[in-house]
Amino acid sequence: MKKTNIAVFASGGGSGLQAIIDACKSGALDANVCAVISNNSKSMALQRARDAGAPAFHFSAKTIPDPQALAAAMLETLRQANTDIIFLCGYLKKIDASILQAYQGRMYNIHPSLLPKYGGQGMFGIHIHTAVLAAGERETGITIHRVDPEYDTGEIIAQCTVAVEPDDTPETLAARVLAQEHIFLVETLRKHCLRP
């Protein structure tokens, strides 16, 4: 049976991508990373992809200034890679409608809060954990959801909680959520996202 081809979009460090790569290599996921796309040419995710032998692509307004041409180039890359599903791991750009339509129901995002809390534009990285602590929350967590035209509003597929400790700083909370994120990401991909 053919393995599921996963394209990963990432803007930053790519630690979620690394978790997927490692799980594919170990056999924990019956899948293959067929393409890695980043809007940031200096993204560690692109280096992680190259180190793993996965095709790596930088697509941004710097490489293709026209938004429609940019989306068309990304879509063609996904098609040539025989992409089955797309997973967003810290990808900070809105997805063009043409890509959303082509992969409707097969594009997922991981977000480090219990959506609908602490989602939306500007809610990424340390900003989320700062907001969670400022609100006095006793728990936070991770959400994996389908991608739709807005930030963080798609159908929720799975969530897990992470306790907020009394002495947490945004940095300690971020580190604890991230450690859980990698485990939860692989579990959720296996249970809910790969083809049966």
Protein backbone atom coordinates (compact mmCIF):
# COMPACT_ATOMS: atom_id res chain seq x y z
CA MET A 1 0.00 0.00 0.00
CA LYS A 2 1.28 3.44 -0.97
CA LYS A 3 2.56 5.66 1.83
CA THR A 4 0.82 9.01 2.42
CA ASN A 5 2.77 11.92 0.94
CA ILE A 6 2.90 14.84 3.37
CA ALA A 7 3.96 18.34 2.32
CA VAL A 8 5.00 20.47 5.28
CA PHE A 9 4.82 24.28 5.35
CA ALA A 10 7.02 25.99 7.97
CA SER A 11 8.32 29.52 8.54
CA GLY A 12 10.77 29.05 11.41
CA GLY A 13 12.76 26.44 13.27
CA GLY A 14 10.96 23.44 11.85
CA SER A 15 11.00 21.32 15.01
CA GLY A 16 7.52 20.02 14.14
CA LEU A 17 8.79 19.10 10.69
CA GLN A 18 11.67 17.24 12.35
CA ALA A 19 9.17 15.27 14.46
CA ILE A 20 7.35 14.24 11.26
CA ILE A 21 10.60 13.34 9.47
CA ASP A 22 11.76 11.23 12.44
CA ALA A 23 8.38 9.47 12.71
CA CYS A 24 8.42 8.64 8.98
CA LYS A 25 11.97 7.26 9.28
CA SER A 26 11.18 5.14 12.37
CA GLY A 27 7.97 3.75 10.84
CA ALA A 28 5.77 5.43 13.48
CA LEU A 29 4.06 7.11 10.51
CA ASP A 30 3.34 5.21 7.30
CA ALA A 31 4.16 8.35 5.38
CA ASN A 32 6.79 10.26 3.47
CA VAL A 33 7.69 13.99 3.55
CA CYS A 34 7.35 14.76 -0.17
CA ALA A 35 8.02 18.53 -0.01
CA VAL A 36 8.88 21.24 2.49
CA ILE A 37 7.82 24.79 1.66
CA SER A 38 8.89 27.91 3.55
CA ASN A 39 8.27 31.62 3.01
CA ASN A 40 11.56 32.30 4.83
CA SER A 41 14.79 31.56 2.95
CA LYS A 42 16.70 31.39 6.26
CA SER A 43 14.21 29.00 7.87
CA MET A 44 15.82 26.14 9.76
CA ALA A 45 12.98 24.01 8.35
CA LEU A 46 14.57 24.19 4.88
CA GLN A 47 17.89 23.00 6.30
CA ARG A 48 16.18 20.18 8.20
CA ALA A 49 14.48 19.12 4.94
CA ARG A 50 17.77 19.14 3.03
CA ASP A 51 19.50 17.18 5.81
CA ALA A 52 16.76 14.54 5.57
CA GLY A 53 16.88 14.39 1.77
CA ALA A 54 13.40 15.90 1.39
CA PRO A 55 12.74 18.40 -1.43
CA ALA A 56 12.92 21.95 0.02
CA PHE A 57 11.41 25.08 -1.57
CA HIS A 58 11.47 28.78 -0.69
CA PHE A 59 8.38 30.58 -1.98
CA SER A 60 7.73 34.21 -1.04
CA ALA A 61 7.07 37.65 -2.51
CA LYS A 62 10.86 37.91 -2.88
CA THR A 63 11.00 34.89 -5.21
CA ILE A 64 7.71 35.56 -7.06
CA PRO A 65 6.27 39.06 -6.46
CA ASP A 66 2.87 38.43 -8.11
CA PRO A 67 0.56 36.71 -5.54
CA GLN A 68 -1.36 34.69 -8.17
CA ALA A 69 1.82 33.47 -9.84
CA LEU A 70 3.24 32.61 -6.41
CA ALA A 71 0.20 30.52 -5.50
CA ALA A 72 0.26 28.82 -8.92
CA ALA A 73 3.95 27.91 -8.49
CA MET A 74 3.31 26.50 -5.01
CA LEU A 75 0.34 24.49 -6.29
CA GLU A 76 2.37 23.07 -9.17
CA THR A 77 5.15 22.05 -6.75
CA LEU A 78 2.60 20.29 -4.53
CA ARG A 79 1.11 18.48 -7.52
CA GLN A 80 4.51 17.40 -8.86
CA ALA A 81 5.36 16.03 -5.41
CA ASN A 82 2.13 13.94 -5.49
CA THR A 83 1.03 15.58 -2.24
CA ASP A 84 -1.79 13.79 -0.38
CA ILE A 85 -2.03 16.08 2.65
CA ILE A 86 -0.46 19.35 3.78
CA PHE A 87 0.60 20.03 7.35
CA LEU A 88 1.38 23.54 8.60
CA CYS A 89 4.05 23.60 11.34
CA GLY A 90 4.51 27.21 12.36
CA TYR A 91 3.70 28.62 8.92
CA LEU A 92 2.84 32.30 9.36
CA LYS A 93 1.37 33.19 5.96
CA LYS A 94 -2.24 32.96 4.84
CA ILE A 95 -2.87 30.14 2.37
CA ASP A 96 -4.12 31.20 -1.07
CA ALA A 97 -7.68 30.20 -1.93
CA SER A 98 -6.52 28.11 -4.93
CA ILE A 99 -4.38 25.89 -2.66
CA LEU A 100 -7.14 25.66 -0.04
CA GLN A 101 -9.57 24.54 -2.75
CA ALA A 102 -7.19 21.97 -4.24
CA TYR A 103 -6.50 20.40 -0.81
CA GLN A 104 -9.85 21.05 0.85
CA GLY A 105 -10.20 18.90 3.97
CA ARG A 106 -6.60 17.67 3.57
CA MET A 107 -4.71 20.63 5.01
CA TYR A 108 -3.99 20.79 8.74
CA ASN A 109 -2.40 23.26 11.16
CA ILE A 110 -0.95 22.83 14.65
CA HIS A 111 -1.52 25.71 17.07
CA PRO A 112 -0.08 25.98 20.60
CA SER A 113 -3.26 26.89 22.47
CA LEU A 114 -6.70 25.44 23.10
CA LEU A 115 -8.55 27.08 20.22
CA PRO A 116 -10.76 29.06 19.93
CA LYS A 117 -8.81 30.72 22.76
CA TYR A 118 -5.64 32.58 21.79
CA GLY A 119 -5.97 32.18 18.03
CA GLY A 120 -6.14 34.58 15.12
CA GLN A 121 -3.82 37.05 13.45
CA GLY A 122 -0.77 37.95 15.56
CA MET A 123 -1.28 34.97 17.86
CA PHE A 124 1.82 32.89 17.28
CA GLY A 125 4.92 31.83 19.19
CA ILE A 126 5.68 33.54 22.46
CA HIS A 127 2.71 35.95 22.05
CA ILE A 128 0.31 33.06 22.74
CA HIS A 129 2.04 31.92 25.94
CA THR A 130 2.34 35.51 27.20
CA ALA A 131 -1.42 35.98 26.68
CA VAL A 132 -2.24 32.67 28.42
CA LEU A 133 -0.25 33.70 31.51
CA ALA A 134 -1.63 37.27 31.50
CA ALA A 135 -5.17 35.82 31.56
CA GLY A 136 -4.35 33.64 34.59
CA GLU A 137 -5.20 30.39 32.79
CA ARG A 138 -4.54 27.15 34.68
CA GLU A 139 -4.23 25.09 31.55
CA THR A 140 -3.31 25.61 27.95
CA GLY A 141 -2.60 23.08 25.24
CA ILE A 142 -2.36 22.24 21.58
CA THR A 143 -4.93 22.18 18.80
CA ILE A 144 -4.74 20.48 15.41
CA HIS A 145 -7.37 21.78 13.01
CA ARG A 146 -8.24 21.83 9.35
CA VAL A 147 -7.14 24.98 7.53
CA ASP A 148 -9.79 27.35 6.17
CA PRO A 149 -9.54 30.91 4.75
CA GLU A 150 -9.16 32.56 8.20
CA TYR A 151 -6.43 32.17 10.84
CA ASP A 152 -7.10 29.34 13.32
CA THR A 153 -10.85 28.95 12.67
CA GLY A 154 -11.03 25.60 10.83
CA GLU A 155 -12.65 22.42 12.13
CA ILE A 156 -10.84 21.12 15.22
CA ILE A 157 -9.52 17.57 14.74
CA ALA A 158 -7.84 17.00 18.11
CA GLN A 159 -6.71 18.83 21.24
CA CYS A 160 -4.55 18.02 24.25
CA THR A 161 -4.02 20.00 27.44
CA VAL A 162 -0.84 21.17 29.14
CA ALA A 163 -0.93 22.43 32.76
CA VAL A 164 0.16 25.98 33.52
CA GLU A 165 2.51 25.95 36.52
CA PRO A 166 2.40 28.78 39.12
CA ASP A 167 5.99 29.85 38.40
CA ASP A 168 5.77 29.63 34.59
CA THR A 169 7.24 32.30 32.37
CA PRO A 170 6.20 32.55 28.71
CA GLU A 171 9.49 30.79 27.85
CA THR A 172 9.08 27.85 30.27
CA LEU A 173 5.47 27.38 29.21
CA ALA A 174 6.46 27.53 25.52
CA ALA A 175 9.13 24.86 26.05
CA ARG A 176 6.72 22.51 27.83
CA VAL A 177 4.00 22.96 25.19
CA LEU A 178 6.54 22.39 22.39
CA ALA A 179 7.79 19.13 23.92
CA GLN A 180 4.20 17.84 24.04
CA GLU A 181 3.47 19.23 20.56
CA HIS A 182 5.87 16.87 18.82
CA ILE A 183 4.34 13.75 20.44
CA PHE A 184 0.76 14.96 19.86
CA LEU A 185 1.50 15.92 16.25
CA VAL A 186 2.65 12.42 15.32
CA GLU A 187 -0.20 10.72 17.24
CA THR A 188 -2.84 12.92 15.58
CA LEU A 189 -1.38 12.49 12.10
CA ARG A 190 -1.44 8.71 12.53
CA LYS A 191 -4.98 8.55 13.96
CA HIS A 192 -6.80 11.23 11.97
CA CYS A 193 -4.90 12.51 8.94
CA LEU A 194 -3.26 9.64 7.09
CA ARG A 195 -5.28 7.63 4.59
CA PRO A 196 -6.96 4.54 6.11
